[in-house]
Amino acid sequence: MRRFLQIICSTWLFLSFIMPVSAAEWVYVVHDGDTLWDFSIKNLKNSSRWQDLQKINRIENPKKMQPGMKIRVPLAWVKETPVEAEVIAVIGSAVLTLIDSTVQPVAIGTRINLGDQLSVGHASSLSIKFADGSVITLYERSSVQFNHLSQFGESGMVDTRFRLNRGRVDTRAIPAKGAASRFEIQTPSAITAVRGTEFRTTVIDVDDVSRIEVIKGKVVVSGQSKTRAIAAGYGTRVSPGKIPLAPKKLLSAPVLHSIPDAVRTLNWSLGWSKIPKSKGYRIELSSSNDFVVLLWSRVTESLQTTLPEVPDGQYFIRVRGVDSLGIEGLPRVAPLLLDVHPQPPLPLKPLNEQILRGKLPDFQWTQSADAVTYRLQLSASEDFSAPLLIDNEKITKASYSSGDALTDGVYYWRVASVSASSELGPFSAVRSFKKEPIPKAPEVLLVPEKETLTVSLAGSKEQQYQVQISTVERFDVLLLDKFTRQKEMTFDRVSDLQYMRIRVVESDGYEGPWGATQLIYPPQDNRWLHIIGVGVLGLLLL
């Protein structure tokens, strides 16, 4: 009996030594040509344990294993080696501080090792790919310390841990490949562990509050020894020294207003419908729908935004709401084709809705740095569906004159830039003008009285008149210069000859031609008859 117990104890000690019953395992699938010896050299901390693996897995021939068979390997035996992360995209500026305090700028292909610290500059973003294929995107003013970057042999299991001191990071972690796989983000107030998910983490450096929002999968958030599981579509907020808030449902994705097939208008505004309980909105622009590189971002309380100045091309816009806790909601992503170059000039003359009379106006616009020539269009319809009265794309100056006449009516014009490569840019904003007839000289009826002169005018009651009276025919000296809507006016006749002229002044200030100059004669002087009569009477009395 004693001998039996010794055998049992020895066996138990041996098995405990070679493979603890509670230890996690890596299951390796044998490939053609694998030997247990080569496998152990590549993957085990101590390659001499190949014999233990042979016993555990009952391998008859360690030099020739059957392809497809599975080998159970205790994780405690698997070799853990440092691995690098790689910068796969960068916009703007960022610097990497190495473990030896050396500072270097960051570019695509920059390698990151354990202990390195990364700082992202203003209006910048970059993406990092880890050994297991997981990708994070860091945004402006973010600071990250890489605490652990390693992998377990050729198992595909990777241990990735880093600290987000401040800023924002989007994470796309691939599913775990084994028990030793680990992906963990530490912040000043929380620890977030994941096993294959998409989520966002934000740390505001003013108060070190962490916000975690889960888009896909699930994460575990820990703070002050309290752990909460946050599922997709939920978020939490963690303050320093506090436990994580209970999962809070993320705001729904906003509904975007209609986006044209191609945006060809400068300062075009993207709009969306209000999300209940939202306090603001984050808008982001990227050249790819995975937003690995962020070209532009802003937060606004408005329900619309203009886009930044970027080259023409295919982009993607992403909009999400922000609630009262600063937790950001589910995103709405939409494709956006920009075609606003070469930039159109700004129309100058004629002024919008200006009333013109006479010949076709002189068109003027600002010069465009992108333009070699300009294209001017004139139409009688606002959508330019009517036949074009002018369609000239070889105008080299920022102006155009034509002596052609137009019938009365409303007209619309626009101008676009043509680049050196003959690319036609978007047209400017449409401007209109109204062609009206030149007012005729007013019809004047003069009715002289003994001491007065009455002037009657024919015309509409909306018309205004300018009346001038002078003592000289050239009207150099004016006795009267009056604007009136009266159709009848009475003037006193004086002893000197006077000249009067009248013209129509339209509501837009246009002054018509002067009418014929009218003569205002002095009133007739009959005193000579009285003198003659007195003289004749005197002669008769003699």
Protein backbone atom coordinates (compact mmCIF):
# COMPACT_ATOMS: atom_id res chain seq x y z
CA MET A 1 0.00 0.00 0.00
CA ARG A 2 2.81 2.36 0.87
CA ARG A 3 4.50 1.58 -2.44
CA PHE A 4 1.24 2.31 -4.28
CA LEU A 5 0.86 5.70 -2.61
CA GLN A 6 4.42 6.62 -3.52
CA ILE A 7 3.73 5.81 -7.16
CA ILE A 8 0.52 7.89 -7.12
CA CYS A 9 2.28 10.86 -5.55
CA SER A 10 5.21 10.68 -7.95
CA THR A 11 2.87 10.50 -10.91
CA TRP A 12 0.85 13.47 -9.63
CA LEU A 13 3.97 15.54 -9.07
CA PHE A 14 5.23 14.69 -12.55
CA LEU A 15 1.98 15.63 -14.23
CA SER A 16 1.79 18.81 -12.19
CA PHE A 17 5.27 19.69 -13.32
CA ILE A 18 4.82 19.01 -17.00
CA MET A 19 1.24 20.26 -17.42
CA PRO A 20 -0.74 21.77 -14.55
CA VAL A 21 -4.38 20.72 -14.88
CA SER A 22 -5.58 24.33 -14.62
CA ALA A 23 -3.15 25.71 -17.18
CA ALA A 24 -4.47 27.28 -20.42
CA GLU A 25 -3.47 25.53 -23.61
CA TRP A 26 -2.52 26.38 -27.13
CA VAL A 27 -3.74 23.87 -29.68
CA TYR A 28 -1.42 23.69 -32.69
CA VAL A 29 -2.47 22.02 -35.97
CA VAL A 30 0.42 20.10 -37.54
CA HIS A 31 1.51 21.06 -41.06
CA ASP A 32 3.24 18.83 -43.57
CA GLY A 33 6.96 18.52 -42.73
CA ASP A 34 6.63 19.55 -39.06
CA THR A 35 8.82 17.81 -36.50
CA LEU A 36 8.34 18.04 -32.78
CA TRP A 37 11.96 19.15 -32.35
CA ASP A 38 11.66 22.09 -34.82
CA PHE A 39 8.34 23.07 -33.32
CA SER A 40 9.83 23.18 -29.82
CA ILE A 41 12.80 25.33 -30.91
CA LYS A 42 10.49 27.89 -32.49
CA ASN A 43 7.79 28.05 -29.86
CA LEU A 44 8.93 26.80 -26.43
CA LYS A 45 10.85 28.67 -23.78
CA ASN A 46 12.79 25.46 -23.15
CA SER A 47 13.18 23.42 -26.34
CA SER A 48 14.04 20.27 -24.33
CA ARG A 49 10.39 20.00 -23.38
CA TRP A 50 9.71 18.38 -26.72
CA GLN A 51 9.82 15.04 -24.96
CA ASP A 52 7.14 16.19 -22.50
CA LEU A 53 4.98 17.28 -25.45
CA GLN A 54 5.49 13.86 -26.99
CA LYS A 55 4.22 12.16 -23.82
CA ILE A 56 1.28 14.53 -23.31
CA ASN A 57 0.06 14.16 -26.90
CA ARG A 58 1.10 10.45 -27.28
CA ILE A 59 3.12 11.14 -30.40
CA GLU A 60 4.70 7.94 -31.68
CA ASN A 61 7.17 9.42 -34.16
CA PRO A 62 8.27 13.01 -33.27
CA LYS A 63 10.23 13.25 -36.53
CA LYS A 64 7.23 12.62 -38.73
CA MET A 65 3.89 13.85 -37.48
CA GLN A 66 0.64 13.38 -39.33
CA PRO A 67 -0.56 16.66 -41.00
CA GLY A 68 -3.80 17.88 -39.43
CA MET A 69 -3.20 16.32 -36.03
CA LYS A 70 -3.57 18.66 -33.04
CA ILE A 71 -0.86 19.22 -30.42
CA ARG A 72 -1.85 20.53 -26.99
CA VAL A 73 0.75 22.93 -25.60
CA PRO A 74 0.57 24.50 -22.09
CA LEU A 75 0.77 28.28 -22.46
CA ALA A 76 3.22 28.42 -19.58
CA TRP A 77 5.74 26.67 -21.81
CA VAL A 78 5.24 28.91 -24.88
CA LYS A 79 7.97 31.41 -25.65
CA GLU A 80 6.85 35.06 -25.43
CA THR A 81 8.84 37.39 -27.70
CA PRO A 82 8.68 41.15 -28.22
CA VAL A 83 6.97 42.33 -31.40
CA GLU A 84 6.72 45.67 -33.12
CA ALA A 85 3.70 47.70 -34.10
CA GLU A 86 3.75 49.66 -37.37
CA VAL A 87 2.39 53.05 -38.42
CA ILE A 88 0.30 52.34 -41.53
CA ALA A 89 -1.15 55.80 -42.17
CA VAL A 90 -0.43 59.34 -41.01
CA ILE A 91 -1.83 62.78 -41.75
CA GLY A 92 -0.16 65.83 -40.25
CA SER A 93 2.57 65.48 -37.65
CA ALA A 94 3.45 63.10 -34.82
CA VAL A 95 6.60 62.28 -32.86
CA LEU A 96 7.81 59.04 -31.28
CA THR A 97 9.86 59.13 -28.09
CA LEU A 98 11.90 55.92 -27.86
CA ILE A 99 12.67 54.10 -24.65
CA ASP A 100 16.16 55.67 -24.69
CA SER A 101 14.56 59.19 -24.87
CA THR A 102 15.46 59.64 -28.53
CA VAL A 103 12.77 61.63 -30.38
CA GLN A 104 11.98 61.02 -34.03
CA PRO A 105 9.23 62.15 -36.43
CA VAL A 106 6.61 59.61 -37.42
CA ALA A 107 5.99 58.46 -40.99
CA ILE A 108 4.29 55.55 -42.68
CA GLY A 109 6.35 52.45 -41.84
CA THR A 110 7.64 53.76 -38.51
CA ARG A 111 8.15 50.85 -36.08
CA ILE A 112 6.96 51.08 -32.49
CA ASN A 113 8.45 48.98 -29.70
CA LEU A 114 7.75 48.27 -26.07
CA GLY A 115 8.25 51.39 -23.95
CA ASP A 116 7.92 53.90 -26.80
CA GLN A 117 5.66 56.92 -26.39
CA LEU A 118 3.71 58.51 -29.25
CA SER A 119 2.36 62.08 -29.43
CA VAL A 120 0.02 63.23 -32.22
CA GLY A 121 0.08 66.89 -33.29
CA HIS A 122 -2.67 69.41 -33.92
CA ALA A 123 -5.04 68.63 -36.83
CA SER A 124 -3.29 65.29 -37.26
CA SER A 125 -4.18 61.60 -37.09
CA LEU A 126 -2.45 58.28 -37.63
CA SER A 127 -3.19 54.57 -37.57
CA ILE A 128 -1.14 51.74 -36.06
CA LYS A 129 -1.29 48.04 -36.89
CA PHE A 130 -0.33 45.48 -34.26
CA ALA A 131 1.13 42.00 -34.72
CA ASP A 132 -2.28 40.28 -34.68
CA GLY A 133 -3.75 42.65 -37.28
CA SER A 134 -5.65 44.85 -34.83
CA VAL A 135 -5.66 48.53 -35.83
CA ILE A 136 -6.06 51.71 -33.80
CA THR A 137 -6.51 55.26 -35.08
CA LEU A 138 -5.20 58.08 -32.90
CA TYR A 139 -6.49 61.62 -33.29
CA GLU A 140 -5.03 65.06 -32.69
CA ARG A 141 -3.32 65.82 -29.37
CA SER A 142 -3.35 62.17 -28.34
CA SER A 143 -0.54 60.73 -26.22
CA VAL A 144 0.06 56.97 -25.88
CA GLN A 145 2.58 54.88 -23.92
CA PHE A 146 3.12 51.31 -25.21
CA ASN A 147 3.44 49.08 -22.15
CA HIS A 148 3.40 45.60 -23.64
CA LEU A 149 3.90 44.34 -27.19
CA SER A 150 4.58 40.61 -27.45
CA GLN A 151 3.44 37.40 -29.09
CA PHE A 152 3.48 33.74 -28.09
CA GLY A 153 5.66 31.81 -30.51
CA GLU A 154 3.89 31.18 -33.81
CA SER A 155 0.55 30.74 -32.09
CA GLY A 156 -0.92 33.97 -33.42
CA MET A 157 -1.70 34.97 -29.84
CA VAL A 158 -0.57 38.53 -29.14
CA ASP A 159 -0.42 40.52 -25.92
CA THR A 160 -1.02 44.22 -26.66
CA ARG A 161 -1.32 46.76 -23.87
CA PHE A 162 -0.94 50.53 -23.99
CA ARG A 163 -1.87 53.59 -21.94
CA LEU A 164 -3.88 56.45 -23.44
CA ASN A 165 -2.78 59.45 -21.39
CA ARG A 166 -5.01 61.86 -23.30
CA GLY A 167 -6.83 62.19 -26.59
CA ARG A 168 -9.04 59.91 -28.67
CA VAL A 169 -8.49 56.46 -30.14
CA ASP A 170 -10.67 54.26 -32.33
CA THR A 171 -9.96 50.54 -31.95
CA ARG A 172 -10.66 47.71 -34.38
CA ALA A 173 -9.42 44.63 -32.49
CA ILE A 174 -9.56 41.27 -34.27
CA PRO A 175 -11.07 38.25 -32.44
CA ALA A 176 -8.75 36.54 -29.96
CA LYS A 177 -6.87 33.52 -31.32
CA GLY A 178 -6.30 31.84 -27.96
CA ALA A 179 -6.40 32.10 -24.20
CA ALA A 180 -3.23 34.18 -24.06
CA SER A 181 -4.48 36.82 -26.55
CA ARG A 182 -4.85 40.16 -24.87
CA PHE A 183 -5.76 43.67 -25.97
CA GLU A 184 -5.98 46.24 -23.24
CA ILE A 185 -6.19 50.04 -23.08
CA GLN A 186 -5.36 51.74 -19.81
CA THR A 187 -6.39 55.34 -19.10
CA PRO A 188 -5.90 57.53 -16.00
CA SER A 189 -9.31 56.35 -14.72
CA ALA A 190 -10.08 52.95 -16.30
CA ILE A 191 -8.84 49.78 -17.93
CA THR A 192 -10.62 48.46 -21.02
CA ALA A 193 -10.07 44.85 -22.10
CA VAL A 194 -11.36 43.44 -25.38
CA ARG A 195 -11.41 40.23 -27.39
CA GLY A 196 -12.40 41.29 -30.89
CA THR A 197 -14.51 44.41 -31.21
CA GLU A 198 -14.79 47.99 -32.44
CA PHE A 199 -14.91 50.72 -29.84
CA ARG A 200 -13.82 54.27 -29.06
CA THR A 201 -11.90 55.58 -26.07
CA THR A 202 -11.54 59.24 -25.12
CA VAL A 203 -9.59 60.89 -22.31
CA ILE A 204 -10.02 64.61 -21.67
CA ASP A 205 -6.75 65.80 -20.11
CA VAL A 206 -8.55 68.54 -18.15
CA ASP A 207 -10.25 66.08 -15.80
CA ASP A 208 -8.86 62.63 -16.85
CA VAL A 209 -12.42 61.37 -17.38
CA SER A 210 -12.59 58.35 -19.70
CA ARG A 211 -15.41 57.64 -22.12
CA ILE A 212 -15.78 54.29 -23.86
CA GLU A 213 -18.28 53.66 -26.66
CA VAL A 214 -18.75 50.19 -28.19
CA ILE A 215 -19.76 49.89 -31.84
CA LYS A 216 -19.33 46.11 -32.33
CA GLY A 217 -18.66 43.21 -29.98
CA LYS A 218 -18.21 43.73 -26.26
CA VAL A 219 -15.62 45.25 -23.91
CA VAL A 220 -14.95 44.97 -20.21
CA VAL A 221 -14.28 48.25 -18.40
CA SER A 222 -12.72 48.28 -14.94
CA GLY A 223 -12.36 51.11 -12.42
CA GLN A 224 -11.94 51.09 -8.64
CA SER A 225 -12.16 47.27 -8.58
CA LYS A 226 -15.55 47.40 -10.28
CA THR A 227 -15.96 45.75 -13.67
CA ARG A 228 -18.74 46.37 -16.17
CA ALA A 229 -19.40 44.59 -19.46
CA ILE A 230 -20.31 47.09 -22.18
CA ALA A 231 -22.13 45.61 -25.18
CA ALA A 232 -22.38 46.99 -28.69
CA GLY A 233 -24.54 50.09 -28.85
CA TYR A 234 -23.69 51.17 -25.30
CA GLY A 235 -21.09 53.33 -23.61
CA THR A 236 -19.84 54.30 -20.18
CA ARG A 237 -18.05 57.13 -18.43
CA VAL A 238 -15.37 56.69 -15.79
CA SER A 239 -14.09 59.47 -13.53
CA PRO A 240 -10.83 59.14 -11.56
CA GLY A 241 -11.47 57.33 -8.29
CA LYS A 242 -14.99 56.32 -9.36
CA ILE A 243 -16.51 53.11 -10.65
CA PRO A 244 -17.70 53.01 -14.28
CA LEU A 245 -21.22 54.27 -14.89
CA ALA A 246 -23.83 51.67 -15.77
CA PRO A 247 -23.97 51.03 -19.54
CA LYS A 248 -25.73 53.90 -21.29
CA LYS A 249 -27.41 53.41 -24.65
CA LEU A 250 -25.65 55.32 -27.41
CA LEU A 251 -27.50 58.00 -29.33
CA SER A 252 -28.92 56.76 -32.61
CA ALA A 253 -27.16 57.58 -35.85
CA PRO A 254 -28.32 60.88 -37.39
CA VAL A 255 -30.32 61.06 -40.61
CA LEU A 256 -28.33 63.01 -43.19
CA HIS A 257 -30.00 65.39 -45.59
CA SER A 258 -29.77 64.63 -49.28
CA ILE A 259 -26.23 64.56 -50.66
CA PRO A 260 -25.82 65.20 -54.41
CA ASP A 261 -24.08 62.67 -56.63
CA ALA A 262 -21.22 65.16 -56.89
CA VAL A 263 -20.76 68.30 -54.82
CA ARG A 264 -19.78 71.04 -57.25
CA THR A 265 -20.60 74.07 -55.12
CA LEU A 266 -18.08 75.90 -52.98
CA ASN A 267 -19.02 76.16 -49.29
CA TRP A 268 -21.64 73.44 -49.73
CA SER A 269 -23.26 72.57 -46.39
CA LEU A 270 -23.90 69.07 -45.09
CA GLY A 271 -27.03 68.91 -42.95
CA TRP A 272 -28.75 66.34 -40.75
CA SER A 273 -31.83 65.92 -38.58
CA LYS A 274 -31.70 66.59 -34.85
CA ILE A 275 -31.11 63.59 -32.57
CA PRO A 276 -33.21 63.66 -29.38
CA LYS A 277 -31.12 64.30 -26.22
CA SER A 278 -28.04 65.30 -28.22
CA LYS A 279 -25.95 68.27 -27.09
CA GLY A 280 -23.71 68.40 -30.14
CA TYR A 281 -22.39 66.51 -33.14
CA ARG A 282 -19.00 65.27 -34.31
CA ILE A 283 -18.31 65.37 -38.04
CA GLU A 284 -15.32 63.59 -39.59
CA LEU A 285 -13.94 63.37 -43.13
CA SER A 286 -11.78 60.56 -44.49
CA SER A 287 -10.60 59.25 -47.83
CA SER A 288 -11.60 55.67 -46.87
CA ASN A 289 -14.77 54.22 -45.41
CA ASP A 290 -12.85 52.60 -42.54
CA PHE A 291 -11.57 56.04 -41.46
CA VAL A 292 -8.05 54.69 -40.92
CA VAL A 293 -6.87 58.20 -41.73
CA LEU A 294 -8.87 61.18 -40.60
CA LEU A 295 -8.51 64.27 -42.78
CA TRP A 296 -10.72 66.61 -40.77
CA SER A 297 -12.90 66.66 -37.67
CA ARG A 298 -15.03 69.15 -35.83
CA VAL A 299 -17.67 69.27 -33.09
CA THR A 300 -20.63 71.60 -33.45
CA GLU A 301 -23.99 72.30 -31.85
CA SER A 302 -25.42 73.20 -35.25
CA LEU A 303 -27.35 70.85 -37.54
CA GLN A 304 -25.12 71.59 -40.51
CA THR A 305 -21.51 72.25 -41.40
CA THR A 306 -19.44 73.41 -44.33
CA LEU A 307 -16.60 71.18 -45.43
CA PRO A 308 -12.89 71.99 -45.33
CA GLU A 309 -10.82 72.90 -48.36
CA VAL A 310 -9.59 69.56 -49.74
CA PRO A 311 -8.66 68.37 -53.26
CA ASP A 312 -11.39 66.99 -55.49
CA GLY A 313 -12.03 63.28 -55.08
CA GLN A 314 -14.01 60.55 -53.37
CA TYR A 315 -14.42 60.92 -49.61
CA PHE A 316 -16.50 59.57 -46.78
CA ILE A 317 -18.28 61.67 -44.19
CA ARG A 318 -19.12 60.40 -40.70
CA VAL A 319 -21.53 62.11 -38.30
CA ARG A 320 -22.57 61.12 -34.78
CA GLY A 321 -24.31 62.78 -31.85
CA VAL A 322 -22.77 63.69 -28.47
CA ASP A 323 -24.91 63.44 -25.33
CA SER A 324 -24.80 65.46 -22.11
CA LEU A 325 -22.11 63.16 -20.62
CA GLY A 326 -19.86 63.62 -23.64
CA ILE A 327 -20.54 60.05 -24.78
CA GLU A 328 -20.65 59.89 -28.57
CA GLY A 329 -23.33 57.91 -30.38
CA LEU A 330 -23.61 55.56 -33.31
CA PRO A 331 -22.16 56.96 -36.53
CA ARG A 332 -23.73 57.61 -39.91
CA VAL A 333 -21.29 57.17 -42.79
CA ALA A 334 -21.97 58.34 -46.34
CA PRO A 335 -19.87 58.62 -49.51
CA LEU A 336 -19.11 62.12 -50.73
CA LEU A 337 -17.75 63.04 -54.15
CA LEU A 338 -16.21 66.51 -54.26
CA ASP A 339 -15.66 68.22 -57.60
CA VAL A 340 -15.27 71.92 -56.83
CA HIS A 341 -12.01 72.65 -58.68
CA PRO A 342 -10.89 74.61 -60.46
CA GLN A 343 -12.64 77.03 -58.16
CA PRO A 344 -15.18 79.33 -59.77
CA PRO A 345 -14.73 83.09 -59.68
CA LEU A 346 -17.08 85.36 -57.80
CA PRO A 347 -19.55 87.25 -60.04
CA LEU A 348 -19.28 91.03 -59.67
CA LYS A 349 -21.31 92.80 -62.35
CA PRO A 350 -24.11 93.14 -63.11
CA LEU A 351 -25.32 93.03 -59.52
CA ASN A 352 -27.77 90.32 -58.62
CA GLU A 353 -31.37 91.28 -59.53
CA GLN A 354 -30.16 94.55 -61.02
CA ILE A 355 -32.46 96.28 -63.51
CA LEU A 356 -30.74 97.17 -66.76
CA ARG A 357 -31.80 99.14 -69.78
CA GLY A 358 -30.29 99.48 -73.18
CA LYS A 359 -27.63 97.15 -74.56
CA LEU A 360 -26.33 93.91 -73.01
CA PRO A 361 -24.34 94.67 -69.84
CA ASP A 362 -20.62 94.24 -69.33
CA PHE A 363 -20.01 91.10 -67.25
CA GLN A 364 -17.26 91.15 -64.61
CA TRP A 365 -15.99 88.60 -62.07
CA THR A 366 -13.01 88.00 -59.81
CA GLN A 367 -9.92 86.23 -61.07
CA SER A 368 -9.42 82.57 -60.09
CA ALA A 369 -5.91 81.25 -59.40
CA ASP A 370 -6.93 77.91 -60.94
CA ALA A 371 -8.19 79.38 -64.20
CA VAL A 372 -6.48 79.74 -67.56
CA THR A 373 -9.74 80.74 -69.26
CA TYR A 374 -13.32 81.25 -68.15
CA ARG A 375 -16.66 79.98 -69.39
CA LEU A 376 -19.60 82.40 -69.31
CA GLN A 377 -23.20 81.30 -69.80
CA LEU A 378 -26.33 83.44 -70.17
CA SER A 379 -29.84 82.02 -70.31
CA ALA A 380 -33.48 83.07 -69.96
CA SER A 381 -34.09 80.18 -67.51
CA GLU A 382 -32.66 79.82 -64.02
CA ASP A 383 -31.70 76.16 -64.59
CA PHE A 384 -30.11 77.06 -67.95
CA SER A 385 -32.40 74.62 -69.75
CA ALA A 386 -33.44 77.27 -72.26
CA PRO A 387 -31.16 77.87 -75.24
CA LEU A 388 -28.01 79.65 -74.13
CA LEU A 389 -27.75 83.21 -75.34
CA ILE A 390 -24.04 83.21 -74.45
CA ASP A 391 -21.83 80.14 -73.98
CA ASN A 392 -18.21 81.15 -74.33
CA GLU A 393 -15.45 79.09 -72.69
CA LYS A 394 -12.45 80.86 -74.16
CA ILE A 395 -12.60 84.13 -72.27
CA THR A 396 -9.09 85.01 -71.11
CA LYS A 397 -9.97 88.05 -68.98
CA ALA A 398 -12.18 88.40 -65.93
CA SER A 399 -14.73 90.36 -67.95
CA TYR A 400 -16.82 90.08 -71.08
CA SER A 401 -18.56 92.69 -73.23
CA SER A 402 -21.10 92.21 -75.99
CA GLY A 403 -22.98 94.68 -78.11
CA ASP A 404 -25.89 92.30 -78.67
CA ALA A 405 -29.35 93.49 -77.74
CA LEU A 406 -31.79 91.64 -75.50
CA THR A 407 -35.54 91.73 -75.38
CA ASP A 408 -37.12 92.81 -72.14
CA GLY A 409 -37.26 90.12 -69.44
CA VAL A 410 -35.29 88.35 -66.69
CA TYR A 411 -31.95 86.69 -67.47
CA TYR A 412 -29.54 84.46 -65.56
CA TRP A 413 -25.77 84.19 -65.82
CA ARG A 414 -22.93 82.20 -64.30
CA VAL A 415 -19.22 81.75 -64.85
CA ALA A 416 -16.76 78.86 -64.33
CA SER A 417 -13.00 78.40 -64.42
CA VAL A 418 -11.20 76.27 -66.98
CA SER A 419 -7.81 74.89 -65.87
CA ALA A 420 -4.63 74.44 -67.88
CA SER A 421 -5.62 70.78 -68.39
CA SER A 422 -8.96 71.95 -69.87
CA GLU A 423 -10.88 70.75 -66.82
CA LEU A 424 -14.08 72.69 -66.34
CA GLY A 425 -14.74 73.55 -62.73
CA PRO A 426 -18.11 74.11 -61.09
CA PHE A 427 -20.08 77.18 -62.05
CA SER A 428 -20.39 80.11 -59.73
CA ALA A 429 -23.62 81.00 -57.99
CA VAL A 430 -26.28 82.00 -60.49
CA ARG A 431 -26.94 85.73 -60.74
CA SER A 432 -29.91 87.40 -62.42
CA PHE A 433 -30.74 90.76 -63.93
CA LYS A 434 -33.85 92.25 -65.45
CA LYS A 435 -33.90 93.94 -68.82
CA GLU A 436 -36.45 96.75 -68.98
CA PRO A 437 -37.12 99.41 -71.65
CA ILE A 438 -35.63 102.87 -71.48
CA PRO A 439 -38.40 105.20 -70.27
CA LYS A 440 -39.66 107.66 -72.80
CA ALA A 441 -39.53 111.39 -72.31
CA PRO A 442 -42.74 112.51 -70.56
CA GLU A 443 -45.57 114.10 -72.48
CA VAL A 444 -45.98 117.65 -71.20
CA LEU A 445 -49.04 119.89 -71.54
CA LEU A 446 -48.60 123.57 -70.64
CA VAL A 447 -51.60 125.71 -69.73
CA PRO A 448 -50.60 129.39 -69.30
CA GLU A 449 -52.75 131.60 -67.14
CA LYS A 450 -52.47 135.31 -66.49
CA GLU A 451 -49.99 135.02 -63.63
CA THR A 452 -49.32 131.24 -63.54
CA LEU A 453 -48.36 128.29 -65.66
CA THR A 454 -49.92 124.85 -65.12
CA VAL A 455 -47.94 121.79 -66.23
CA SER A 456 -49.77 118.46 -66.79
CA LEU A 457 -47.88 115.15 -67.27
CA ALA A 458 -49.06 111.89 -68.82
CA GLY A 459 -47.78 108.64 -67.23
CA SER A 460 -48.35 106.00 -64.57
CA LYS A 461 -48.83 107.07 -60.98
CA GLU A 462 -45.80 104.97 -59.90
CA GLN A 463 -43.46 107.10 -62.00
CA GLN A 464 -41.32 109.81 -60.49
CA TYR A 465 -40.34 112.97 -62.32
CA GLN A 466 -37.43 115.37 -62.10
CA VAL A 467 -38.31 118.97 -62.90
CA GLN A 468 -35.69 121.65 -63.49
CA ILE A 469 -36.20 125.38 -64.14
CA SER A 470 -33.38 127.69 -65.14
CA THR A 471 -32.79 131.18 -66.43
CA VAL A 472 -30.35 129.87 -69.04
CA GLU A 473 -31.01 127.38 -71.78
CA ARG A 474 -28.03 125.19 -70.78
CA PHE A 475 -29.47 124.80 -67.25
CA ASP A 476 -26.17 125.86 -65.71
CA VAL A 477 -27.99 127.87 -63.04
CA LEU A 478 -31.04 126.16 -61.56
CA LEU A 479 -33.92 128.00 -59.96
CA LEU A 480 -35.67 124.72 -59.26
CA ASP A 481 -34.54 121.05 -59.15
CA LYS A 482 -37.41 118.96 -57.84
CA PHE A 483 -38.40 115.26 -57.72
CA THR A 484 -42.13 114.64 -57.61
CA ARG A 485 -44.84 112.11 -58.37
CA GLN A 486 -47.43 114.84 -59.00
CA LYS A 487 -49.06 114.77 -62.41
CA GLU A 488 -49.98 118.43 -62.30
CA MET A 489 -47.90 121.37 -61.07
CA THR A 490 -48.49 125.12 -61.07
CA PHE A 491 -45.70 127.70 -61.24
CA ASP A 492 -45.79 131.51 -60.91
CA ARG A 493 -44.82 133.38 -64.02
CA VAL A 494 -42.09 135.93 -63.41
CA SER A 495 -40.90 138.90 -65.34
CA ASP A 496 -37.94 137.07 -66.95
CA LEU A 497 -37.92 134.33 -69.55
CA GLN A 498 -37.32 130.88 -67.98
CA TYR A 499 -36.54 127.41 -69.28
CA MET A 500 -38.07 124.19 -67.96
CA ARG A 501 -37.31 120.51 -68.64
CA ILE A 502 -38.73 117.28 -67.22
CA ARG A 503 -37.67 113.63 -67.29
CA VAL A 504 -38.84 110.30 -65.83
CA VAL A 505 -36.84 108.70 -62.98
CA GLU A 506 -37.60 104.98 -62.49
CA SER A 507 -37.91 103.30 -59.08
CA ASP A 508 -34.43 101.80 -59.43
CA GLY A 509 -32.96 105.28 -59.92
CA TYR A 510 -32.62 105.04 -63.70
CA GLU A 511 -32.96 108.48 -65.26
CA GLY A 512 -34.71 108.68 -68.60
CA PRO A 513 -33.99 111.24 -71.31
CA TRP A 514 -34.97 114.84 -70.81
CA GLY A 515 -38.07 116.01 -72.63
CA ALA A 516 -38.11 119.04 -74.91
CA THR A 517 -37.13 122.27 -73.21
CA GLN A 518 -40.20 124.37 -72.48
CA LEU A 519 -40.16 128.18 -72.48
CA ILE A 520 -41.94 130.01 -69.67
CA TYR A 521 -42.67 133.53 -70.89
CA PRO A 522 -43.23 136.43 -68.52
CA PRO A 523 -46.87 137.46 -68.01
CA GLN A 524 -48.14 140.08 -70.52
CA ASP A 525 -47.54 143.72 -69.34
CA ASN A 526 -50.65 145.92 -70.19
CA ARG A 527 -49.42 149.09 -68.49
CA TRP A 528 -48.50 150.62 -71.89
CA LEU A 529 -52.18 150.63 -72.86
CA HIS A 530 -52.95 152.62 -69.72
CA ILE A 531 -50.20 155.16 -70.55
CA ILE A 532 -51.46 155.58 -74.12
CA GLY A 533 -55.02 156.00 -72.89
CA VAL A 534 -54.02 158.71 -70.42
CA GLY A 535 -52.05 160.53 -73.13
CA VAL A 536 -54.92 160.44 -75.60
CA LEU A 537 -57.30 161.72 -72.95
CA GLY A 538 -54.93 164.62 -72.15
CA LEU A 539 -54.79 165.62 -75.78
CA LEU A 540 -58.56 165.69 -76.03
CA LEU A 541 -58.83 167.94 -73.02
CA LEU A 542 -56.51 170.56 -74.51
